Amino acid sequence: MTAAETPLGRKRRARRMARMLAELHPDAHCELDYADPFQLAVATILSAQCTDVRVNLTTPALFARYPDPAAMAAADRGELEELIRPTGFFRNKTNSLLGLSAALLSDHGGEVPGTMAELVKLPGIGRKTANVILGNAFGVPGITVDTHLARLVHRFGWTTATDPVKIEHAVGELIPKNDWTMFSHRIIFHGRRVCFARKPACGACGLAKLCPSYGSGPVDPDAAAKLLKGPRVAELAAAAERVNT
């Protein structure tokens, strides 16, 4: 937010940027593979400090061996650790998965609950994971504050908060509730494909005219376009050119 920007001005700019994100990333979605709320909970726990690609390579064998909370709660710890070892921090994640499965059996009849209050009481489930589960498995709007979303909303000047809960609430005041889940996917896609941590592709960004951090990365369109990632590089570069010229 600039010194001259009012709260109303910030909200209007944020909503315009959110609409532009929807145009830039029509393919945005949850990139974790899952078949039911339990699998999504497990995959989200495994995604901590790990890429979604790696998680998706790991979960097919995991879910084939432990398809539900009952099977996972009865798992041999050593075997479970070996199956999820590629995702990193496998001992802590094993503790979370065993604790989660046991709690689902003892407290929820083996079903993943569909409310924030119940989810955050479960082992391995914080607000970030709960919002992923609620938004994608239950259709309950939620804002997923991961490293990409936190970085981008700071660059956008939407909030200076660093606490994830405060970021969630700040963004929630700017973006309509019905859009929270898809907005989260879109901004994460933007962080992975355009607005990188070390060198954002500013000159190939369709949000450049509304972003107070424009210039943090290369502004030359050709140089910036070379930084873009993902399957839609050409479309992203073309969209940026239309907006910025």
C-alpha atoms as a PDB file:
ATOM      1  CA  MET A   1       0.000   0.000   0.000  1.00  0.00           C
ATOM      2  CA  THR A   2       1.344   3.421  -0.918  1.00  0.00           C
ATOM      3  CA  ALA A   3       1.201   6.379   1.463  1.00  0.00           C
ATOM      4  CA  ALA A   4      -1.629   7.935  -0.548  1.00  0.00           C
ATOM      5  CA  GLU A   5      -3.735   4.784  -0.877  1.00  0.00           C
ATOM      6  CA  THR A   6      -6.871   4.648   1.239  1.00  0.00           C
ATOM      7  CA  PRO A   7      -8.289   1.396   2.641  1.00  0.00           C
ATOM      8  CA  LEU A   8     -11.072   1.596   0.044  1.00  0.00           C
ATOM      9  CA  GLY A   9      -8.531   2.184  -2.698  1.00  0.00           C
ATOM     10  CA  ARG A  10      -6.533  -0.820  -1.544  1.00  0.00           C
ATOM     11  CA  LYS A  11      -9.634  -3.015  -1.586  1.00  0.00           C
ATOM     12  CA  ARG A  12     -10.552  -1.897  -5.087  1.00  0.00           C
ATOM     13  CA  ARG A  13      -7.000  -2.501  -6.319  1.00  0.00           C
ATOM     14  CA  ALA A  14      -6.882  -5.908  -4.625  1.00  0.00           C
ATOM     15  CA  ARG A  15     -10.153  -7.005  -6.205  1.00  0.00           C
ATOM     16  CA  ARG A  16      -9.010  -5.823  -9.610  1.00  0.00           C
ATOM     17  CA  MET A  17      -5.768  -7.791  -9.189  1.00  0.00           C
ATOM     18  CA  ALA A  18      -7.768 -10.844  -8.117  1.00  0.00           C
ATOM     19  CA  ARG A  19      -9.880 -10.600 -11.273  1.00  0.00           C
ATOM     20  CA  MET A  20      -6.729 -10.311 -13.355  1.00  0.00           C
ATOM     21  CA  LEU A  21      -5.261 -13.368 -11.626  1.00  0.00           C
ATOM     22  CA  ALA A  22      -8.358 -15.302 -12.665  1.00  0.00           C
ATOM     23  CA  GLU A  23      -7.698 -14.323 -16.287  1.00  0.00           C
ATOM     24  CA  LEU A  24      -3.974 -15.067 -16.077  1.00  0.00           C
ATOM     25  CA  HIS A  25      -4.377 -18.485 -14.469  1.00  0.00           C
ATOM     26  CA  PRO A  26      -7.588 -20.134 -15.689  1.00  0.00           C
ATOM     27  CA  ASP A  27      -5.994 -23.521 -15.017  1.00  0.00           C
ATOM     28  CA  ALA A  28      -5.392 -22.866 -11.314  1.00  0.00           C
ATOM     29  CA  HIS A  29      -6.347 -25.766  -9.055  1.00  0.00           C
ATOM     30  CA  CYS A  30      -5.155 -27.820  -6.111  1.00  0.00           C
ATOM     31  CA  GLU A  31      -2.076 -29.602  -7.431  1.00  0.00           C
ATOM     32  CA  LEU A  32      -2.165 -32.385  -4.851  1.00  0.00           C
ATOM     33  CA  ASP A  33      -3.698 -35.649  -6.054  1.00  0.00           C
ATOM     34  CA  TYR A  34      -6.406 -37.081  -3.790  1.00  0.00           C
ATOM     35  CA  ALA A  35      -9.625 -39.070  -3.931  1.00  0.00           C
ATOM     36  CA  ASP A  36     -11.279 -38.102  -0.650  1.00  0.00           C
ATOM     37  CA  PRO A  37     -10.852 -35.740   2.333  1.00  0.00           C
ATOM     38  CA  PHE A  38      -8.582 -38.182   4.181  1.00  0.00           C
ATOM     39  CA  GLN A  39      -6.208 -38.479   1.253  1.00  0.00           C
ATOM     40  CA  LEU A  40      -6.163 -34.695   0.873  1.00  0.00           C
ATOM     41  CA  ALA A  41      -5.355 -34.281   4.575  1.00  0.00           C
ATOM     42  CA  VAL A  42      -2.499 -36.771   4.288  1.00  0.00           C
ATOM     43  CA  ALA A  43      -1.153 -35.209   1.088  1.00  0.00           C
ATOM     44  CA  THR A  44      -1.279 -31.728   2.581  1.00  0.00           C
ATOM     45  CA  ILE A  45       0.646 -32.855   5.668  1.00  0.00           C
ATOM     46  CA  LEU A  46       3.266 -34.427   3.400  1.00  0.00           C
ATOM     47  CA  SER A  47       3.523 -31.229   1.330  1.00  0.00           C
ATOM     48  CA  ALA A  48       5.184 -29.307   4.177  1.00  0.00           C
ATOM     49  CA  GLN A  49       8.703 -28.375   3.009  1.00  0.00           C
ATOM     50  CA  CYS A  50       8.132 -30.527  -0.071  1.00  0.00           C
ATOM     51  CA  THR A  51       6.904 -29.963  -3.617  1.00  0.00           C
ATOM     52  CA  ASP A  52       3.464 -31.096  -4.711  1.00  0.00           C
ATOM     53  CA  VAL A  53       5.143 -33.032  -7.522  1.00  0.00           C
ATOM     54  CA  ARG A  54       7.161 -35.088  -5.047  1.00  0.00           C
ATOM     55  CA  VAL A  55       4.104 -35.684  -2.875  1.00  0.00           C
ATOM     56  CA  ASN A  56       2.123 -36.903  -5.888  1.00  0.00           C
ATOM     57  CA  LEU A  57       4.898 -39.345  -6.728  1.00  0.00           C
ATOM     58  CA  THR A  58       4.809 -40.676  -3.171  1.00  0.00           C
ATOM     59  CA  THR A  59       1.105 -40.970  -2.383  1.00  0.00           C
ATOM     60  CA  PRO A  60      -0.015 -43.652  -4.878  1.00  0.00           C
ATOM     61  CA  ALA A  61       1.968 -46.376  -3.088  1.00  0.00           C
ATOM     62  CA  LEU A  62       1.079 -44.870   0.297  1.00  0.00           C
ATOM     63  CA  PHE A  63      -2.665 -44.854  -0.368  1.00  0.00           C
ATOM     64  CA  ALA A  64      -2.552 -48.315  -1.912  1.00  0.00           C
ATOM     65  CA  ARG A  65      -1.017 -49.614   1.315  1.00  0.00           C
ATOM     66  CA  TYR A  66      -3.056 -47.434   3.710  1.00  0.00           C
ATOM     67  CA  PRO A  67      -6.296 -46.367   1.984  1.00  0.00           C
ATOM     68  CA  ASP A  68      -8.136 -45.115   5.074  1.00  0.00           C
ATOM     69  CA  PRO A  69      -7.606 -43.992   8.681  1.00  0.00           C
ATOM     70  CA  ALA A  70      -8.074 -47.517  10.064  1.00  0.00           C
ATOM     71  CA  ALA A  71      -5.327 -48.937   7.879  1.00  0.00           C
ATOM     72  CA  MET A  72      -2.959 -46.044   8.539  1.00  0.00           C
ATOM     73  CA  ALA A  73      -3.559 -46.048  12.293  1.00  0.00           C
ATOM     74  CA  ALA A  74      -2.478 -49.702  12.337  1.00  0.00           C
ATOM     75  CA  ALA A  75       0.569 -49.093  10.149  1.00  0.00           C
ATOM     76  CA  ASP A  76       4.019 -50.294  11.062  1.00  0.00           C
ATOM     77  CA  ARG A  77       5.955 -47.113  11.847  1.00  0.00           C
ATOM     78  CA  GLY A  78       9.086 -48.216  10.032  1.00  0.00           C
ATOM     79  CA  GLU A  79       7.183 -49.133   6.890  1.00  0.00           C
ATOM     80  CA  LEU A  80       5.249 -45.867   6.923  1.00  0.00           C
ATOM     81  CA  GLU A  81       8.458 -43.889   7.387  1.00  0.00           C
ATOM     82  CA  GLU A  82      10.047 -45.572   4.400  1.00  0.00           C
ATOM     83  CA  LEU A  83       7.048 -44.892   2.175  1.00  0.00           C
ATOM     84  CA  ILE A  84       7.028 -41.158   2.937  1.00  0.00           C
ATOM     85  CA  ARG A  85      10.801 -40.692   3.300  1.00  0.00           C
ATOM     86  CA  PRO A  86      11.091 -38.926  -0.107  1.00  0.00           C
ATOM     87  CA  THR A  87       8.928 -36.045   1.179  1.00  0.00           C
ATOM     88  CA  GLY A  88      11.429 -35.114   3.891  1.00  0.00           C
ATOM     89  CA  PHE A  89      10.982 -34.730   7.659  1.00  0.00           C
ATOM     90  CA  PHE A  90       9.515 -38.225   7.477  1.00  0.00           C
ATOM     91  CA  ARG A  91       9.731 -38.988  11.208  1.00  0.00           C
ATOM     92  CA  ASN A  92       7.714 -35.920  12.204  1.00  0.00           C
ATOM     93  CA  LYS A  93       5.283 -36.509   9.349  1.00  0.00           C
ATOM     94  CA  THR A  94       4.868 -40.133  10.429  1.00  0.00           C
ATOM     95  CA  ASN A  95       3.943 -38.918  13.906  1.00  0.00           C
ATOM     96  CA  SER A  96       1.347 -36.592  12.385  1.00  0.00           C
ATOM     97  CA  LEU A  97      -0.151 -39.244  10.112  1.00  0.00           C
ATOM     98  CA  LEU A  98      -0.408 -41.860  12.856  1.00  0.00           C
ATOM     99  CA  GLY A  99      -1.846 -39.310  15.277  1.00  0.00           C
ATOM    100  CA  LEU A 100      -4.292 -37.990  12.699  1.00  0.00           C
ATOM    101  CA  SER A 101      -5.536 -41.457  11.777  1.00  0.00           C
ATOM    102  CA  ALA A 102      -5.978 -42.498  15.402  1.00  0.00           C
ATOM    103  CA  ALA A 103      -7.836 -39.287  16.236  1.00  0.00           C
ATOM    104  CA  LEU A 104     -10.165 -39.658  13.260  1.00  0.00           C
ATOM    105  CA  LEU A 105     -11.053 -43.162  14.431  1.00  0.00           C
ATOM    106  CA  SER A 106     -11.509 -42.297  18.080  1.00  0.00           C
ATOM    107  CA  ASP A 107     -13.230 -38.934  17.751  1.00  0.00           C
ATOM    108  CA  HIS A 108     -14.871 -38.758  14.303  1.00  0.00           C
ATOM    109  CA  GLY A 109     -15.904 -42.263  13.314  1.00  0.00           C
ATOM    110  CA  GLY A 110     -13.070 -42.478  10.810  1.00  0.00           C
ATOM    111  CA  GLU A 111     -14.288 -39.430   8.855  1.00  0.00           C
ATOM    112  CA  VAL A 112     -12.501 -36.129   8.339  1.00  0.00           C
ATOM    113  CA  PRO A 113     -14.575 -33.363   9.975  1.00  0.00           C
ATOM    114  CA  GLY A 114     -15.696 -30.426   7.866  1.00  0.00           C
ATOM    115  CA  THR A 115     -15.211 -27.479  10.223  1.00  0.00           C
ATOM    116  CA  MET A 116     -12.169 -25.367  11.077  1.00  0.00           C
ATOM    117  CA  ALA A 117     -12.743 -25.793  14.817  1.00  0.00           C
ATOM    118  CA  GLU A 118     -12.640 -29.589  14.580  1.00  0.00           C
ATOM    119  CA  LEU A 119      -9.860 -29.807  12.015  1.00  0.00           C
ATOM    120  CA  VAL A 120      -7.302 -27.729  13.909  1.00  0.00           C
ATOM    121  CA  LYS A 121      -7.652 -30.032  16.924  1.00  0.00           C
ATOM    122  CA  LEU A 122      -6.306 -32.940  14.885  1.00  0.00           C
ATOM    123  CA  PRO A 123      -2.602 -33.884  14.920  1.00  0.00           C
ATOM    124  CA  GLY A 124      -0.681 -32.347  12.030  1.00  0.00           C
ATOM    125  CA  ILE A 125      -3.534 -29.986  11.037  1.00  0.00           C
ATOM    126  CA  GLY A 126      -3.061 -26.223  11.386  1.00  0.00           C
ATOM    127  CA  ARG A 127      -5.115 -23.447   9.822  1.00  0.00           C
ATOM    128  CA  LYS A 128      -3.236 -23.652   6.518  1.00  0.00           C
ATOM    129  CA  THR A 129      -3.892 -27.375   6.120  1.00  0.00           C
ATOM    130  CA  ALA A 130      -7.456 -26.979   7.395  1.00  0.00           C
ATOM    131  CA  ASN A 131      -8.200 -24.317   4.780  1.00  0.00           C
ATOM    132  CA  VAL A 132      -6.856 -26.584   2.028  1.00  0.00           C
ATOM    133  CA  ILE A 133      -9.127 -29.398   3.206  1.00  0.00           C
ATOM    134  CA  LEU A 134     -12.187 -27.200   3.708  1.00  0.00           C
ATOM    135  CA  GLY A 135     -11.861 -25.399   0.407  1.00  0.00           C
ATOM    136  CA  ASN A 136     -11.082 -28.365  -1.807  1.00  0.00           C
ATOM    137  CA  ALA A 137     -12.801 -31.324  -0.144  1.00  0.00           C
ATOM    138  CA  PHE A 138     -15.837 -29.622   1.404  1.00  0.00           C
ATOM    139  CA  GLY A 139     -16.420 -26.504  -0.690  1.00  0.00           C
ATOM    140  CA  VAL A 140     -16.031 -24.225   2.339  1.00  0.00           C
ATOM    141  CA  PRO A 141     -14.180 -21.023   1.322  1.00  0.00           C
ATOM    142  CA  GLY A 142     -10.704 -20.734   2.796  1.00  0.00           C
ATOM    143  CA  ILE A 143      -7.503 -18.741   2.274  1.00  0.00           C
ATOM    144  CA  THR A 144      -4.366 -20.868   2.222  1.00  0.00           C
ATOM    145  CA  VAL A 145      -1.468 -18.810   3.549  1.00  0.00           C
ATOM    146  CA  ASP A 146       1.577 -20.608   2.192  1.00  0.00           C
ATOM    147  CA  THR A 147       4.940 -19.024   1.387  1.00  0.00           C
ATOM    148  CA  HIS A 148       3.794 -17.937  -2.076  1.00  0.00           C
ATOM    149  CA  LEU A 149       0.631 -16.193  -0.910  1.00  0.00           C
ATOM    150  CA  ALA A 150       2.424 -14.471   1.976  1.00  0.00           C
ATOM    151  CA  ARG A 151       5.217 -13.238  -0.312  1.00  0.00           C
ATOM    152  CA  LEU A 152       2.890 -11.959  -3.003  1.00  0.00           C
ATOM    153  CA  VAL A 153       0.414 -10.094  -0.810  1.00  0.00           C
ATOM    154  CA  HIS A 154       3.378  -8.311   0.769  1.00  0.00           C
ATOM    155  CA  ARG A 155       4.688  -7.370  -2.671  1.00  0.00           C
ATOM    156  CA  PHE A 156       1.220  -6.284  -3.710  1.00  0.00           C
ATOM    157  CA  GLY A 157       1.097  -3.952  -0.697  1.00  0.00           C
ATOM    158  CA  TRP A 158      -2.054  -5.542   0.665  1.00  0.00           C
ATOM    159  CA  THR A 159      -0.713  -6.091   4.180  1.00  0.00           C
ATOM    160  CA  THR A 160       2.474  -5.774   6.205  1.00  0.00           C
ATOM    161  CA  ALA A 161       1.462  -8.548   8.610  1.00  0.00           C
ATOM    162  CA  THR A 162       3.827 -11.503   8.927  1.00  0.00           C
ATOM    163  CA  ASP A 163       1.724 -13.784  11.130  1.00  0.00           C
ATOM    164  CA  PRO A 164      -0.153 -16.243   8.877  1.00  0.00           C
ATOM    165  CA  VAL A 165      -3.443 -15.807  10.726  1.00  0.00           C
ATOM    166  CA  LYS A 166      -3.224 -12.019  10.439  1.00  0.00           C
ATOM    167  CA  ILE A 167      -2.384 -12.356   6.734  1.00  0.00           C
ATOM    168  CA  GLU A 168      -5.381 -14.643   6.275  1.00  0.00           C
ATOM    169  CA  HIS A 169      -7.700 -12.165   7.934  1.00  0.00           C
ATOM    170  CA  ALA A 170      -6.241  -9.168   6.058  1.00  0.00           C
ATOM    171  CA  VAL A 171      -6.687 -10.866   2.689  1.00  0.00           C
ATOM    172  CA  GLY A 172     -10.144 -12.057   3.711  1.00  0.00           C
ATOM    173  CA  GLU A 173     -11.209  -8.432   4.178  1.00  0.00           C
ATOM    174  CA  LEU A 174     -10.099  -7.579   0.639  1.00  0.00           C
ATOM    175  CA  ILE A 175     -11.330 -10.568  -1.375  1.00  0.00           C
ATOM    176  CA  PRO A 176     -14.976 -11.730  -1.495  1.00  0.00           C
ATOM    177  CA  LYS A 177     -15.473 -14.860   0.615  1.00  0.00           C
ATOM    178  CA  ASN A 178     -16.847 -16.957  -2.227  1.00  0.00           C
ATOM    179  CA  ASP A 179     -13.554 -16.440  -4.095  1.00  0.00           C
ATOM    180  CA  TRP A 180     -11.173 -17.349  -1.250  1.00  0.00           C
ATOM    181  CA  THR A 181     -10.369 -20.907  -2.311  1.00  0.00           C
ATOM    182  CA  MET A 182      -9.831 -20.202  -5.989  1.00  0.00           C
ATOM    183  CA  PHE A 183      -7.998 -16.979  -5.217  1.00  0.00           C
ATOM    184  CA  SER A 184      -5.576 -19.024  -3.108  1.00  0.00           C
ATOM    185  CA  HIS A 185      -4.930 -21.395  -6.019  1.00  0.00           C
ATOM    186  CA  ARG A 186      -4.445 -18.530  -8.462  1.00  0.00           C
ATOM    187  CA  ILE A 187      -2.005 -16.568  -6.338  1.00  0.00           C
ATOM    188  CA  ILE A 188      -0.027 -19.739  -5.603  1.00  0.00           C
ATOM    189  CA  PHE A 189       0.143 -20.419  -9.354  1.00  0.00           C
ATOM    190  CA  HIS A 190       1.340 -16.844  -9.880  1.00  0.00           C
ATOM    191  CA  GLY A 191       4.021 -17.306  -7.242  1.00  0.00           C
ATOM    192  CA  ARG A 192       5.214 -20.535  -8.835  1.00  0.00           C
ATOM    193  CA  ARG A 193       5.123 -19.334 -12.431  1.00  0.00           C
ATOM    194  CA  VAL A 194       5.736 -15.575 -12.439  1.00  0.00           C
ATOM    195  CA  CYS A 195       6.411 -13.824  -9.130  1.00  0.00           C
ATOM    196  CA  PHE A 196       9.393 -15.802  -7.854  1.00  0.00           C
ATOM    197  CA  ALA A 197      11.069 -15.213  -4.515  1.00  0.00           C
ATOM    198  CA  ARG A 198      14.530 -14.302  -5.810  1.00  0.00           C
ATOM    199  CA  LYS A 199      13.869 -12.852  -9.246  1.00  0.00           C
ATOM    200  CA  PRO A 200      10.241 -12.096 -10.130  1.00  0.00           C
ATOM    201  CA  ALA A 201       9.450 -11.809 -13.827  1.00  0.00           C
ATOM    202  CA  CYS A 202       8.183  -8.240 -13.496  1.00  0.00           C
ATOM    203  CA  GLY A 203       8.446  -7.388 -17.188  1.00  0.00           C
ATOM    204  CA  ALA A 204       6.280 -10.389 -18.086  1.00  0.00           C
ATOM    205  CA  CYS A 205       3.691  -9.968 -15.341  1.00  0.00           C
ATOM    206  CA  GLY A 206       0.098  -9.127 -16.138  1.00  0.00           C
ATOM    207  CA  LEU A 207      -0.264  -7.427 -12.747  1.00  0.00           C
ATOM    208  CA  ALA A 208       2.661  -5.042 -13.234  1.00  0.00           C
ATOM    209  CA  LYS A 209       0.644  -1.827 -13.509  1.00  0.00           C
ATOM    210  CA  LEU A 210      -1.080  -2.458 -10.178  1.00  0.00           C
ATOM    211  CA  CYS A 211       1.920  -3.792  -8.245  1.00  0.00           C
ATOM    212  CA  PRO A 212       3.936  -1.387  -6.066  1.00  0.00           C
ATOM    213  CA  SER A 213       6.871  -3.828  -6.161  1.00  0.00           C
ATOM    214  CA  TYR A 214       7.240  -3.632  -9.939  1.00  0.00           C
ATOM    215  CA  GLY A 215      10.958  -3.493 -10.665  1.00  0.00           C
ATOM    216  CA  SER A 216      11.976  -6.032  -8.025  1.00  0.00           C
ATOM    217  CA  GLY A 217      12.927  -8.251 -10.961  1.00  0.00           C
ATOM    218  CA  PRO A 218      13.822  -7.690 -14.630  1.00  0.00           C
ATOM    219  CA  VAL A 219      11.460  -5.251 -16.345  1.00  0.00           C
ATOM    220  CA  ASP A 220      12.622  -5.950 -19.884  1.00  0.00           C
ATOM    221  CA  PRO A 221       9.818  -8.081 -21.373  1.00  0.00           C
ATOM    222  CA  ASP A 222      12.132 -10.482 -23.216  1.00  0.00           C
ATOM    223  CA  ALA A 223      14.429 -11.017 -20.243  1.00  0.00           C
ATOM    224  CA  ALA A 224      11.481 -11.442 -17.895  1.00  0.00           C
ATOM    225  CA  ALA A 225       9.693 -13.866 -20.219  1.00  0.00           C
ATOM    226  CA  LYS A 226      12.685 -16.203 -20.042  1.00  0.00           C
ATOM    227  CA  LEU A 227      12.061 -16.562 -16.310  1.00  0.00           C
ATOM    228  CA  LEU A 228       8.445 -17.710 -16.633  1.00  0.00           C
ATOM    229  CA  LYS A 229       7.662 -21.305 -15.686  1.00  0.00           C
ATOM    230  CA  GLY A 230       4.865 -23.797 -16.273  1.00  0.00           C
ATOM    231  CA  PRO A 231       2.894 -25.031 -19.296  1.00  0.00           C
ATOM    232  CA  ARG A 232       1.447 -21.616 -20.204  1.00  0.00           C
ATOM    233  CA  VAL A 233       4.570 -19.491 -20.614  1.00  0.00           C
ATOM    234  CA  ALA A 234       3.543 -18.139 -24.023  1.00  0.00           C
ATOM    235  CA  GLU A 235       0.055 -17.194 -22.808  1.00  0.00           C
ATOM    236  CA  LEU A 236       1.416 -15.457 -19.703  1.00  0.00           C
ATOM    237  CA  ALA A 237       3.925 -13.439 -21.725  1.00  0.00           C
ATOM    238  CA  ALA A 238       1.272 -12.456 -24.269  1.00  0.00           C
ATOM    239  CA  ALA A 239      -1.165 -11.399 -21.549  1.00  0.00           C
ATOM    240  CA  ALA A 240       1.511  -9.244 -19.921  1.00  0.00           C
ATOM    241  CA  GLU A 241       2.312  -7.614 -23.242  1.00  0.00           C
ATOM    242  CA  ARG A 242      -1.358  -6.750 -23.821  1.00  0.00           C
ATOM    243  CA  VAL A 243      -1.717  -5.206 -20.380  1.00  0.00           C
ATOM    244  CA  ASN A 244       1.598  -3.366 -20.192  1.00  0.00           C
ATOM    245  CA  THR A 245       1.792  -1.812 -23.653  1.00  0.00           C
END
